Amino acid sequence: MTYPLLKRLFDVLVAAVALVVLSPLLLAIAIAVRATSPGPAIFRQERAGRGGKPFILLKFRTMQLDADPFGPSPKSGADPRLTPIGRFLREFSLDELPQLVNIIQGDMSLIGPRPLYVSQIPEWNERQRKRLLVKPGLTGLAQISGRGELTVEEKLEFDARYVEQAGPSLDGHILLATLTRVFVRRGIYERRYSRVEDTRGQSGSGQKEDIK
């Protein structure tokens, strides 16, 4: 059995078990989001999957309903666009849990480059586009290597390295490191988007809502 098939079976098994075990928590979060701010509990946005194929990514909503979904990422938990529980959800990565559904649907994997916008693809060079050779992940090499402390260029480089080195050993390392980082809570907020700050307000290159 090839590793991609084993990885897919592992993804489905872990995601399905997690959804069942965490269902009370998921329900509680959904109720809390709805109760503390107007709008839906789930945030939906089109992202680029494997090969650049679009899919709808799911998250618990952490920002106010009138916040620009393509605006700059929060620099701290004091950002006024965050909902009353948005900071908590982000800092413990609980907002990402609905993506377990994306994994079961086959649009995502547990491990892989974080899903970005389809509109960003033309901006990437040949090496950076390697990230499209695999399914996007719930967590990835960039997320355990600095997360918000990295610039977009550094994140894309880690994504390319992941594709080049992907295998059971690296995936296991990323999964374990991710569990550790959830409790350490480092690199949650983006310090600087790019090596060269985007004077256009990051509207064209934004990985705002989700490259954590």
N, C-alpha and C. Protein backbone atom coordinates (compact mmCIF):
# COMPACT_ATOMS: atom_id res chain seq x y z
N MET A 1 0.85 -1.19 0.00
CA MET A 1 0.00 0.00 0.00
C MET A 1 0.89 1.24 0.00
N THR A 2 0.62 2.18 -0.89
CA THR A 2 1.45 3.38 -1.01
C THR A 2 1.20 4.35 0.14
N TYR A 3 2.18 5.21 0.39
CA TYR A 3 2.03 6.15 1.49
C TYR A 3 0.85 7.11 1.28
N PRO A 4 0.63 7.67 0.09
CA PRO A 4 -0.54 8.55 -0.09
C PRO A 4 -1.85 7.88 0.32
N LEU A 5 -1.99 6.58 0.00
CA LEU A 5 -3.22 5.88 0.38
C LEU A 5 -3.28 5.69 1.89
N LEU A 6 -2.15 5.32 2.49
CA LEU A 6 -2.11 5.17 3.94
C LEU A 6 -2.41 6.50 4.63
N LYS A 7 -1.87 7.56 4.08
CA LYS A 7 -2.10 8.88 4.65
C LYS A 7 -3.58 9.25 4.58
N ARG A 8 -4.21 8.94 3.48
CA ARG A 8 -5.63 9.24 3.32
C ARG A 8 -6.46 8.44 4.32
N LEU A 9 -6.14 7.18 4.51
CA LEU A 9 -6.87 6.35 5.47
C LEU A 9 -6.67 6.89 6.89
N PHE A 10 -5.45 7.29 7.19
CA PHE A 10 -5.16 7.86 8.50
C PHE A 10 -5.93 9.16 8.71
N ASP A 11 -5.95 10.00 7.68
CA ASP A 11 -6.68 11.27 7.75
C ASP A 11 -8.14 11.04 8.09
N VAL A 12 -8.78 10.14 7.35
CA VAL A 12 -10.21 9.89 7.53
C VAL A 12 -10.49 9.31 8.92
N LEU A 13 -9.65 8.36 9.34
CA LEU A 13 -9.84 7.72 10.65
C LEU A 13 -9.71 8.74 11.77
N VAL A 14 -8.64 9.51 11.75
CA VAL A 14 -8.40 10.48 12.82
C VAL A 14 -9.47 11.58 12.81
N ALA A 15 -9.81 12.08 11.62
CA ALA A 15 -10.81 13.15 11.54
C ALA A 15 -12.18 12.66 12.01
N ALA A 16 -12.55 11.44 11.62
CA ALA A 16 -13.86 10.91 12.02
C ALA A 16 -13.93 10.70 13.52
N VAL A 17 -12.89 10.11 14.09
CA VAL A 17 -12.87 9.88 15.54
C VAL A 17 -12.88 11.22 16.28
N ALA A 18 -12.09 12.18 15.79
CA ALA A 18 -12.02 13.49 16.43
C ALA A 18 -13.37 14.20 16.41
N LEU A 19 -14.09 14.10 15.29
CA LEU A 19 -15.40 14.74 15.20
C LEU A 19 -16.38 14.15 16.20
N VAL A 20 -16.32 12.85 16.38
CA VAL A 20 -17.22 12.19 17.34
C VAL A 20 -16.86 12.58 18.77
N VAL A 21 -15.57 12.46 19.09
CA VAL A 21 -15.12 12.75 20.46
C VAL A 21 -15.30 14.22 20.82
N LEU A 22 -15.04 15.09 19.85
CA LEU A 22 -15.09 16.53 20.11
C LEU A 22 -16.45 17.16 19.83
N SER A 23 -17.44 16.36 19.44
CA SER A 23 -18.74 16.92 19.08
C SER A 23 -19.36 17.79 20.17
N PRO A 24 -19.26 17.44 21.46
CA PRO A 24 -19.81 18.35 22.49
C PRO A 24 -19.08 19.69 22.51
N LEU A 25 -17.76 19.66 22.33
CA LEU A 25 -16.98 20.90 22.29
C LEU A 25 -17.34 21.73 21.07
N LEU A 26 -17.47 21.09 19.92
CA LEU A 26 -17.83 21.79 18.69
C LEU A 26 -19.19 22.48 18.83
N LEU A 27 -20.13 21.78 19.42
CA LEU A 27 -21.46 22.35 19.63
C LEU A 27 -21.39 23.53 20.59
N ALA A 28 -20.61 23.39 21.65
CA ALA A 28 -20.49 24.46 22.64
C ALA A 28 -19.85 25.70 22.01
N ILE A 29 -18.83 25.50 21.18
CA ILE A 29 -18.17 26.64 20.52
C ILE A 29 -19.15 27.33 19.57
N ALA A 30 -19.88 26.54 18.80
CA ALA A 30 -20.83 27.11 17.85
C ALA A 30 -21.88 27.96 18.57
N ILE A 31 -22.38 27.45 19.69
CA ILE A 31 -23.38 28.19 20.47
C ILE A 31 -22.77 29.48 21.03
N ALA A 32 -21.53 29.38 21.51
CA ALA A 32 -20.86 30.54 22.10
C ALA A 32 -20.61 31.63 21.06
N VAL A 33 -20.21 31.23 19.86
CA VAL A 33 -19.97 32.22 18.80
C VAL A 33 -21.25 32.94 18.44
N ARG A 34 -22.32 32.18 18.29
CA ARG A 34 -23.61 32.78 17.94
C ARG A 34 -24.14 33.66 19.06
N ALA A 35 -23.90 33.25 20.31
CA ALA A 35 -24.46 33.97 21.45
C ALA A 35 -23.72 35.27 21.76
N THR A 36 -22.46 35.36 21.35
CA THR A 36 -21.65 36.53 21.72
C THR A 36 -21.42 37.52 20.60
N SER A 37 -21.89 37.21 19.39
CA SER A 37 -21.76 38.16 18.29
C SER A 37 -22.75 37.80 17.19
N PRO A 38 -23.31 38.79 16.51
CA PRO A 38 -24.27 38.49 15.44
C PRO A 38 -23.58 37.83 14.26
N GLY A 39 -24.29 36.88 13.62
CA GLY A 39 -23.73 36.22 12.46
C GLY A 39 -23.62 34.72 12.66
N PRO A 40 -23.25 34.00 11.61
CA PRO A 40 -23.14 32.55 11.67
C PRO A 40 -21.96 32.09 12.52
N ALA A 41 -22.03 30.86 13.00
CA ALA A 41 -20.93 30.30 13.79
C ALA A 41 -19.78 29.87 12.89
N ILE A 42 -20.12 29.48 11.67
CA ILE A 42 -19.10 28.97 10.74
C ILE A 42 -18.74 30.01 9.69
N PHE A 43 -17.44 30.20 9.51
CA PHE A 43 -16.90 31.08 8.47
C PHE A 43 -16.54 30.22 7.27
N ARG A 44 -17.03 30.58 6.09
CA ARG A 44 -16.77 29.82 4.87
C ARG A 44 -16.04 30.71 3.86
N GLN A 45 -15.01 30.15 3.24
CA GLN A 45 -14.27 30.93 2.26
C GLN A 45 -13.63 30.00 1.24
N GLU A 46 -13.62 30.44 -0.02
CA GLU A 46 -13.02 29.63 -1.08
C GLU A 46 -11.50 29.65 -0.96
N ARG A 47 -10.89 28.49 -1.04
CA ARG A 47 -9.44 28.36 -1.00
C ARG A 47 -8.97 27.42 -2.11
N ALA A 48 -7.66 27.41 -2.32
CA ALA A 48 -7.07 26.56 -3.36
C ALA A 48 -6.66 25.21 -2.77
N GLY A 49 -7.17 24.15 -3.39
CA GLY A 49 -6.81 22.81 -2.96
C GLY A 49 -5.69 22.24 -3.82
N ARG A 50 -5.57 20.95 -3.81
CA ARG A 50 -4.54 20.29 -4.61
C ARG A 50 -4.74 20.61 -6.09
N GLY A 51 -3.65 20.97 -6.75
CA GLY A 51 -3.74 21.33 -8.15
C GLY A 51 -4.39 22.68 -8.40
N GLY A 52 -4.64 23.43 -7.33
CA GLY A 52 -5.29 24.72 -7.47
C GLY A 52 -6.80 24.64 -7.53
N LYS A 53 -7.36 23.44 -7.37
CA LYS A 53 -8.82 23.28 -7.43
C LYS A 53 -9.48 23.97 -6.24
N PRO A 54 -10.46 24.83 -6.48
CA PRO A 54 -11.12 25.56 -5.38
C PRO A 54 -11.97 24.63 -4.51
N PHE A 55 -12.02 24.93 -3.22
CA PHE A 55 -12.93 24.25 -2.30
C PHE A 55 -13.32 25.26 -1.22
N ILE A 56 -14.35 24.94 -0.47
CA ILE A 56 -14.83 25.84 0.58
C ILE A 56 -14.26 25.40 1.92
N LEU A 57 -13.42 26.24 2.47
CA LEU A 57 -12.80 25.98 3.77
C LEU A 57 -13.74 26.39 4.89
N LEU A 58 -13.76 25.62 5.96
CA LEU A 58 -14.64 25.88 7.09
C LEU A 58 -13.83 26.25 8.33
N LYS A 59 -14.31 27.24 9.07
CA LYS A 59 -13.69 27.64 10.33
C LYS A 59 -14.79 28.15 11.27
N PHE A 60 -14.52 28.13 12.55
CA PHE A 60 -15.40 28.88 13.45
C PHE A 60 -15.07 30.35 13.26
N ARG A 61 -16.10 31.17 13.19
CA ARG A 61 -15.89 32.60 12.97
C ARG A 61 -15.26 33.23 14.20
N THR A 62 -14.15 33.95 14.00
CA THR A 62 -13.46 34.61 15.11
C THR A 62 -13.50 36.13 15.00
N MET A 63 -14.04 36.64 13.89
CA MET A 63 -14.08 38.09 13.69
C MET A 63 -15.51 38.59 13.54
N GLN A 64 -15.69 39.87 13.80
CA GLN A 64 -17.02 40.46 13.69
C GLN A 64 -17.55 40.31 12.26
N LEU A 65 -18.86 40.28 12.14
CA LEU A 65 -19.50 40.03 10.85
C LEU A 65 -19.13 41.07 9.80
N ASP A 66 -18.88 42.30 10.22
CA ASP A 66 -18.58 43.36 9.26
C ASP A 66 -17.08 43.50 8.97
N ALA A 67 -16.26 42.62 9.51
CA ALA A 67 -14.82 42.67 9.26
C ALA A 67 -14.51 42.20 7.85
N ASP A 68 -13.57 42.85 7.19
CA ASP A 68 -13.17 42.47 5.84
C ASP A 68 -12.46 41.12 5.89
N PRO A 69 -13.03 40.07 5.28
CA PRO A 69 -12.41 38.73 5.34
C PRO A 69 -11.07 38.67 4.62
N PHE A 70 -10.76 39.68 3.81
CA PHE A 70 -9.49 39.72 3.10
C PHE A 70 -8.56 40.80 3.68
N GLY A 71 -8.93 41.33 4.84
CA GLY A 71 -8.13 42.37 5.47
C GLY A 71 -6.91 41.78 6.17
N PRO A 72 -6.06 42.65 6.72
CA PRO A 72 -4.84 42.18 7.38
C PRO A 72 -5.15 41.31 8.60
N SER A 73 -4.29 40.37 8.85
CA SER A 73 -4.45 39.47 9.99
C SER A 73 -4.27 40.24 11.29
N PRO A 74 -5.00 39.89 12.35
CA PRO A 74 -4.82 40.55 13.64
C PRO A 74 -3.37 40.48 14.12
N LYS A 75 -2.88 41.59 14.66
CA LYS A 75 -1.51 41.63 15.19
C LYS A 75 -1.46 41.22 16.65
N SER A 76 -2.62 41.23 17.31
CA SER A 76 -2.68 40.83 18.72
C SER A 76 -4.11 40.45 19.07
N GLY A 77 -4.26 39.90 20.27
CA GLY A 77 -5.59 39.52 20.72
C GLY A 77 -6.47 40.71 21.05
N ALA A 78 -5.89 41.90 21.04
CA ALA A 78 -6.66 43.11 21.34
C ALA A 78 -7.31 43.71 20.11
N ASP A 79 -7.14 43.09 18.96
CA ASP A 79 -7.73 43.60 17.72
C ASP A 79 -9.25 43.71 17.89
N PRO A 80 -9.83 44.90 17.66
CA PRO A 80 -11.27 45.09 17.88
C PRO A 80 -12.16 44.30 16.93
N ARG A 81 -11.58 43.77 15.85
CA ARG A 81 -12.37 42.98 14.91
C ARG A 81 -12.68 41.59 15.44
N LEU A 82 -11.93 41.12 16.45
CA LEU A 82 -12.15 39.80 17.01
C LEU A 82 -13.44 39.78 17.83
N THR A 83 -14.16 38.69 17.77
CA THR A 83 -15.36 38.52 18.58
C THR A 83 -14.96 38.31 20.04
N PRO A 84 -15.93 38.36 20.96
CA PRO A 84 -15.59 38.17 22.38
C PRO A 84 -14.82 36.88 22.68
N ILE A 85 -15.06 35.83 21.92
CA ILE A 85 -14.30 34.59 22.17
C ILE A 85 -13.32 34.30 21.03
N GLY A 86 -13.22 35.23 20.08
CA GLY A 86 -12.34 35.02 18.94
C GLY A 86 -10.89 34.84 19.32
N ARG A 87 -10.42 35.66 20.27
CA ARG A 87 -9.03 35.55 20.72
C ARG A 87 -8.76 34.18 21.29
N PHE A 88 -9.63 33.70 22.15
CA PHE A 88 -9.46 32.38 22.78
C PHE A 88 -9.42 31.28 21.72
N LEU A 89 -10.36 31.32 20.77
CA LEU A 89 -10.41 30.30 19.73
C LEU A 89 -9.14 30.29 18.90
N ARG A 90 -8.65 31.47 18.55
CA ARG A 90 -7.43 31.56 17.74
C ARG A 90 -6.20 31.09 18.50
N GLU A 91 -6.08 31.50 19.74
CA GLU A 91 -4.87 31.20 20.50
C GLU A 91 -4.73 29.72 20.80
N PHE A 92 -5.84 29.00 20.83
CA PHE A 92 -5.79 27.56 21.05
C PHE A 92 -6.13 26.78 19.78
N SER A 93 -6.18 27.50 18.63
CA SER A 93 -6.44 26.89 17.32
C SER A 93 -7.76 26.12 17.25
N LEU A 94 -8.69 26.46 18.13
CA LEU A 94 -9.99 25.79 18.12
C LEU A 94 -10.83 26.22 16.94
N ASP A 95 -10.53 27.39 16.37
CA ASP A 95 -11.29 27.87 15.21
C ASP A 95 -11.08 26.99 13.99
N GLU A 96 -9.99 26.18 13.99
CA GLU A 96 -9.70 25.35 12.84
C GLU A 96 -10.42 24.00 12.85
N LEU A 97 -11.05 23.65 13.97
CA LEU A 97 -11.63 22.32 14.10
C LEU A 97 -12.66 21.94 13.03
N PRO A 98 -13.48 22.87 12.52
CA PRO A 98 -14.41 22.48 11.46
C PRO A 98 -13.73 21.93 10.20
N GLN A 99 -12.45 22.17 10.06
CA GLN A 99 -11.73 21.64 8.90
C GLN A 99 -11.58 20.13 8.95
N LEU A 100 -11.94 19.53 10.08
CA LEU A 100 -12.01 18.07 10.12
C LEU A 100 -13.02 17.57 9.10
N VAL A 101 -14.06 18.36 8.87
CA VAL A 101 -15.05 18.02 7.84
C VAL A 101 -14.41 18.12 6.45
N ASN A 102 -13.60 19.17 6.23
CA ASN A 102 -12.88 19.31 4.96
C ASN A 102 -11.98 18.10 4.70
N ILE A 103 -11.39 17.56 5.78
CA ILE A 103 -10.51 16.40 5.64
C ILE A 103 -11.31 15.18 5.22
N ILE A 104 -12.42 14.94 5.87
CA ILE A 104 -13.25 13.78 5.52
C ILE A 104 -13.78 13.90 4.10
N GLN A 105 -14.10 15.12 3.68
CA GLN A 105 -14.59 15.34 2.31
C GLN A 105 -13.50 15.13 1.27
N GLY A 106 -12.24 15.10 1.69
CA GLY A 106 -11.15 14.86 0.77
C GLY A 106 -10.49 16.11 0.21
N ASP A 107 -10.90 17.28 0.69
CA ASP A 107 -10.31 18.53 0.21
C ASP A 107 -9.00 18.86 0.92
N MET A 108 -8.85 18.32 2.14
CA MET A 108 -7.68 18.63 2.94
C MET A 108 -7.10 17.35 3.56
N SER A 109 -5.93 17.50 4.14
CA SER A 109 -5.26 16.43 4.88
C SER A 109 -4.95 16.97 6.27
N LEU A 110 -4.60 16.09 7.20
CA LEU A 110 -4.17 16.56 8.51
C LEU A 110 -2.88 17.37 8.39
N ILE A 111 -1.97 16.90 7.53
CA ILE A 111 -0.67 17.54 7.36
C ILE A 111 -0.48 18.01 5.92
N GLY A 112 -0.07 19.27 5.76
CA GLY A 112 0.18 19.82 4.42
C GLY A 112 0.27 21.33 4.49
N PRO A 113 0.58 22.00 3.42
CA PRO A 113 0.61 23.46 3.40
C PRO A 113 -0.77 24.02 3.72
N ARG A 114 -0.84 25.11 4.47
CA ARG A 114 -2.12 25.71 4.77
C ARG A 114 -2.78 26.20 3.49
N PRO A 115 -4.11 26.03 3.36
CA PRO A 115 -4.81 26.43 2.12
C PRO A 115 -4.89 27.94 1.95
N LEU A 116 -4.43 28.42 0.81
CA LEU A 116 -4.45 29.85 0.52
C LEU A 116 -5.46 30.15 -0.57
N TYR A 117 -5.49 31.40 -1.05
CA TYR A 117 -6.47 31.82 -2.02
C TYR A 117 -6.09 31.41 -3.44
N VAL A 118 -7.09 31.09 -4.25
CA VAL A 118 -6.87 30.78 -5.66
C VAL A 118 -6.23 31.98 -6.37
N SER A 119 -6.63 33.17 -5.98
CA SER A 119 -6.13 34.38 -6.62
C SER A 119 -4.64 34.61 -6.37
N GLN A 120 -4.07 33.93 -5.39
CA GLN A 120 -2.66 34.10 -5.09
C GLN A 120 -1.75 33.29 -6.01
N ILE A 121 -2.28 32.26 -6.61
CA ILE A 121 -1.45 31.33 -7.39
C ILE A 121 -0.59 32.03 -8.44
N PRO A 122 -1.12 32.98 -9.22
CA PRO A 122 -0.27 33.65 -10.23
C PRO A 122 0.92 34.40 -9.63
N GLU A 123 0.86 34.71 -8.34
CA GLU A 123 1.94 35.47 -7.70
C GLU A 123 3.12 34.58 -7.32
N TRP A 124 2.92 33.27 -7.30
CA TRP A 124 3.97 32.37 -6.84
C TRP A 124 4.92 32.00 -7.97
N ASN A 125 6.20 31.79 -7.61
CA ASN A 125 7.15 31.30 -8.60
C ASN A 125 7.04 29.78 -8.71
N GLU A 126 7.82 29.20 -9.58
CA GLU A 126 7.71 27.77 -9.85
C GLU A 126 7.93 26.93 -8.59
N ARG A 127 8.89 27.31 -7.79
CA ARG A 127 9.17 26.55 -6.57
C ARG A 127 8.01 26.66 -5.59
N GLN A 128 7.48 27.84 -5.42
CA GLN A 128 6.39 28.05 -4.48
C GLN A 128 5.13 27.30 -4.90
N ARG A 129 4.96 27.09 -6.19
CA ARG A 129 3.77 26.38 -6.67
C ARG A 129 3.83 24.88 -6.38
N LYS A 130 4.96 24.41 -5.88
CA LYS A 130 5.04 22.99 -5.49
C LYS A 130 4.01 22.66 -4.42
N ARG A 131 3.62 23.66 -3.65
CA ARG A 131 2.65 23.44 -2.58
C ARG A 131 1.32 22.91 -3.12
N LEU A 132 1.06 23.14 -4.41
CA LEU A 132 -0.18 22.67 -5.02
C LEU A 132 -0.13 21.20 -5.42
N LEU A 133 1.02 20.55 -5.26
CA LEU A 133 1.16 19.15 -5.62
C LEU A 133 0.56 18.22 -4.57
N VAL A 134 0.29 18.77 -3.39
CA VAL A 134 -0.31 17.97 -2.31
C VAL A 134 -1.56 18.67 -1.79
N LYS A 135 -2.35 17.94 -1.05
CA LYS A 135 -3.54 18.55 -0.44
C LYS A 135 -3.11 19.53 0.65
N PRO A 136 -3.83 20.61 0.80
CA PRO A 136 -3.54 21.52 1.92
C PRO A 136 -3.84 20.83 3.24
N GLY A 137 -3.21 21.30 4.31
CA GLY A 137 -3.36 20.62 5.59
C GLY A 137 -3.92 21.46 6.71
N LEU A 138 -4.35 20.77 7.75
CA LEU A 138 -4.81 21.42 8.97
C LEU A 138 -3.63 22.08 9.67
N THR A 139 -2.47 21.46 9.53
CA THR A 139 -1.23 22.03 10.03
C THR A 139 -0.11 21.62 9.09
N GLY A 140 1.02 22.32 9.18
CA GLY A 140 2.10 22.02 8.24
C GLY A 140 3.46 22.41 8.79
N LEU A 141 4.48 22.25 7.97
CA LEU A 141 5.84 22.54 8.37
C LEU A 141 6.03 24.01 8.75
N ALA A 142 5.39 24.91 8.00
CA ALA A 142 5.52 26.34 8.32
C ALA A 142 4.89 26.66 9.66
N GLN A 143 3.82 25.97 10.02
CA GLN A 143 3.12 26.28 11.26
C GLN A 143 3.91 25.84 12.50
N ILE A 144 4.77 24.84 12.36
CA ILE A 144 5.58 24.44 13.52
C ILE A 144 6.95 25.09 13.48
N SER A 145 7.21 25.89 12.45
CA SER A 145 8.53 26.51 12.27
C SER A 145 8.52 28.01 12.52
N GLY A 146 7.42 28.51 13.05
CA GLY A 146 7.37 29.94 13.33
C GLY A 146 5.99 30.54 13.23
N ARG A 147 5.15 29.94 12.39
CA ARG A 147 3.75 30.39 12.27
C ARG A 147 3.68 31.88 11.98
N GLY A 148 3.09 32.67 12.83
CA GLY A 148 2.93 34.11 12.58
C GLY A 148 4.22 34.90 12.63
N GLU A 149 5.29 34.29 13.13
CA GLU A 149 6.58 34.96 13.19
C GLU A 149 7.28 34.95 11.83
N LEU A 150 6.76 34.15 10.89
CA LEU A 150 7.35 34.03 9.56
C LEU A 150 6.67 34.98 8.58
N THR A 151 7.42 35.42 7.59
CA THR A 151 6.83 36.21 6.50
C THR A 151 6.20 35.23 5.50
N VAL A 152 5.40 35.74 4.60
CA VAL A 152 4.77 34.89 3.60
C VAL A 152 5.81 34.17 2.76
N GLU A 153 6.92 34.84 2.45
CA GLU A 153 7.96 34.21 1.65
C GLU A 153 8.57 33.01 2.38
N GLU A 154 8.76 33.17 3.68
CA GLU A 154 9.33 32.08 4.48
C GLU A 154 8.35 30.92 4.58
N LYS A 155 7.07 31.23 4.74
CA LYS A 155 6.06 30.18 4.82
C LYS A 155 5.99 29.38 3.52
N LEU A 156 6.03 30.08 2.40
CA LEU A 156 5.99 29.40 1.10
C LEU A 156 7.23 28.52 0.89
N GLU A 157 8.37 28.95 1.41
CA GLU A 157 9.58 28.15 1.31
C GLU A 157 9.45 26.87 2.14
N PHE A 158 8.90 26.98 3.34
CA PHE A 158 8.68 25.79 4.16
C PHE A 158 7.67 24.85 3.48
N ASP A 159 6.67 25.43 2.82
CA ASP A 159 5.69 24.61 2.09
C ASP A 159 6.38 23.79 0.99
N ALA A 160 7.29 24.44 0.25
CA ALA A 160 8.01 23.76 -0.82
C ALA A 160 8.89 22.66 -0.24
N ARG A 161 9.53 22.93 0.88
CA ARG A 161 10.38 21.92 1.52
C ARG A 161 9.55 20.73 1.96
N TYR A 162 8.34 21.01 2.46
CA TYR A 162 7.48 19.90 2.89
C TYR A 162 7.18 18.96 1.72
N VAL A 163 6.81 19.54 0.59
CA VAL A 163 6.48 18.72 -0.58
C VAL A 163 7.68 17.88 -0.99
N GLU A 164 8.86 18.45 -0.91
CA GLU A 164 10.08 17.74 -1.31
C GLU A 164 10.45 16.62 -0.35
N GLN A 165 10.08 16.77 0.92
CA GLN A 165 10.51 15.81 1.94
C GLN A 165 9.36 15.01 2.54
N ALA A 166 8.16 15.16 2.03
CA ALA A 166 6.98 14.53 2.62
C ALA A 166 7.14 13.03 2.78
N GLY A 167 6.71 12.54 3.94
CA GLY A 167 6.77 11.12 4.23
C GLY A 167 6.29 10.86 5.64
N PRO A 168 6.20 9.60 6.04
CA PRO A 168 5.68 9.26 7.37
C PRO A 168 6.46 9.92 8.51
N SER A 169 7.79 9.96 8.40
CA SER A 169 8.60 10.53 9.47
C SER A 169 8.33 12.02 9.66
N LEU A 170 8.33 12.77 8.56
CA LEU A 170 8.09 14.21 8.65
C LEU A 170 6.67 14.50 9.11
N ASP A 171 5.70 13.76 8.60
CA ASP A 171 4.31 13.99 9.01
C ASP A 171 4.13 13.73 10.50
N GLY A 172 4.78 12.66 11.00
CA GLY A 172 4.69 12.36 12.42
C GLY A 172 5.31 13.45 13.27
N HIS A 173 6.44 13.96 12.80
CA HIS A 173 7.11 15.06 13.52
C HIS A 173 6.22 16.30 13.56
N ILE A 174 5.60 16.64 12.43
CA ILE A 174 4.74 17.83 12.36
C ILE A 174 3.53 17.67 13.27
N LEU A 175 2.94 16.49 13.27
CA LEU A 175 1.74 16.26 14.09
C LEU A 175 2.06 16.41 15.57
N LEU A 176 3.16 15.81 16.01
CA LEU A 176 3.53 15.90 17.43
C LEU A 176 3.91 17.33 17.81
N ALA A 177 4.66 18.00 16.93
CA ALA A 177 5.07 19.37 17.20
C ALA A 177 3.86 20.30 17.26
N THR A 178 2.85 20.03 16.44
CA THR A 178 1.64 20.85 16.44
C THR A 178 0.91 20.75 17.77
N LEU A 179 0.78 19.53 18.29
CA LEU A 179 0.11 19.34 19.57
C LEU A 179 0.83 20.09 20.68
N THR A 180 2.15 20.12 20.63
CA THR A 180 2.93 20.84 21.63
C THR A 180 2.72 22.34 21.50
N ARG A 181 2.73 22.85 20.27
CA ARG A 181 2.62 24.29 20.04
C ARG A 181 1.25 24.84 20.40
N VAL A 182 0.23 24.02 20.38
CA VAL A 182 -1.10 24.49 20.76
C VAL A 182 -1.09 25.00 22.19
N PHE A 183 -0.31 24.34 23.04
CA PHE A 183 -0.26 24.74 24.45
C PHE A 183 0.80 25.82 24.71
N VAL A 184 1.85 25.85 23.88
CA VAL A 184 2.87 26.87 24.04
C VAL A 184 2.34 28.23 23.60
N ARG A 185 1.48 28.23 22.56
CA ARG A 185 0.80 29.44 22.07
C ARG A 185 1.78 30.50 21.59
N ARG A 186 2.79 30.10 20.82
CA ARG A 186 3.74 31.05 20.25
C ARG A 186 3.45 31.28 18.78
N GLY A 187 3.73 32.49 18.31
CA GLY A 187 3.59 32.78 16.88
C GLY A 187 2.16 32.80 16.39
N ILE A 188 1.23 33.07 17.28
CA ILE A 188 -0.19 33.06 16.89
C ILE A 188 -0.52 34.23 15.99
N TYR A 189 -0.01 35.40 16.36
CA TYR A 189 -0.34 36.61 15.61
C TYR A 189 0.78 36.99 14.65
N GLU A 190 0.37 37.46 13.49
CA GLU A 190 1.31 37.81 12.44
C GLU A 190 2.08 39.08 12.76
N ARG A 191 3.41 38.99 12.78
CA ARG A 191 4.23 40.17 13.07
C ARG A 191 4.41 41.03 11.82
N ARG A 192 4.71 40.37 10.72
CA ARG A 192 4.93 41.09 9.47
C ARG A 192 4.52 40.17 8.33
N TYR A 193 3.65 40.65 7.45
CA TYR A 193 3.15 39.80 6.38
C TYR A 193 4.24 39.39 5.41
N SER A 194 4.99 40.36 4.90
CA SER A 194 5.98 40.10 3.87
C SER A 194 7.32 40.74 4.21
N ARG A 195 8.38 40.26 3.56
CA ARG A 195 9.69 40.90 3.72
C ARG A 195 9.62 42.36 3.28
N VAL A 196 8.80 42.60 2.28
CA VAL A 196 8.54 43.96 1.82
C VAL A 196 7.08 44.24 2.12
N GLU A 197 6.81 45.11 3.07
CA GLU A 197 5.43 45.37 3.46
C GLU A 197 4.60 45.77 2.26
N ASP A 198 3.42 45.17 2.14
CA ASP A 198 2.54 45.40 1.00
C ASP A 198 1.83 46.74 1.14
N THR A 199 2.15 47.68 0.34
CA THR A 199 1.55 49.02 0.42
C THR A 199 0.13 49.05 -0.12
N ARG A 200 -0.32 47.96 -0.69
CA ARG A 200 -1.68 47.91 -1.20
C ARG A 200 -2.66 47.42 -0.15
N GLY A 201 -2.19 47.32 1.09
CA GLY A 201 -3.07 46.86 2.16
C GLY A 201 -3.22 45.36 2.15
N GLN A 202 -2.35 44.64 1.42
CA GLN A 202 -2.32 43.18 1.39
C GLN A 202 -3.56 42.59 0.76
N SER A 203 -4.32 43.38 0.03
CA SER A 203 -5.57 42.88 -0.52
C SER A 203 -5.35 41.85 -1.61
N GLY A 204 -4.27 41.96 -2.34
CA GLY A 204 -4.06 41.01 -3.42
C GLY A 204 -3.35 39.76 -2.98
N SER A 205 -2.55 39.84 -1.91
CA SER A 205 -1.75 38.69 -1.50
C SER A 205 -2.15 38.16 -0.15
N GLY A 206 -3.35 38.51 0.31
CA GLY A 206 -3.69 38.22 1.68
C GLY A 206 -3.84 36.76 2.02
N GLN A 207 -3.19 36.33 3.08
CA GLN A 207 -3.42 35.03 3.68
C GLN A 207 -3.99 35.32 5.05
N LYS A 208 -4.86 36.30 5.10
CA LYS A 208 -5.19 36.94 6.35
C LYS A 208 -5.87 36.03 7.34
N GLU A 209 -6.95 35.39 6.90
CA GLU A 209 -7.82 34.75 7.87
C GLU A 209 -7.24 33.42 8.31
N ASP A 210 -6.28 32.84 7.57
CA ASP A 210 -6.06 31.43 7.87
C ASP A 210 -4.67 30.87 7.74
N ILE A 211 -3.64 31.63 7.51
CA ILE A 211 -2.35 30.96 7.33
C ILE A 211 -1.64 30.69 8.65
N LYS A 212 -2.32 30.82 9.72
CA LYS A 212 -1.73 30.59 11.03
C LYS A 212 -1.00 29.28 11.05
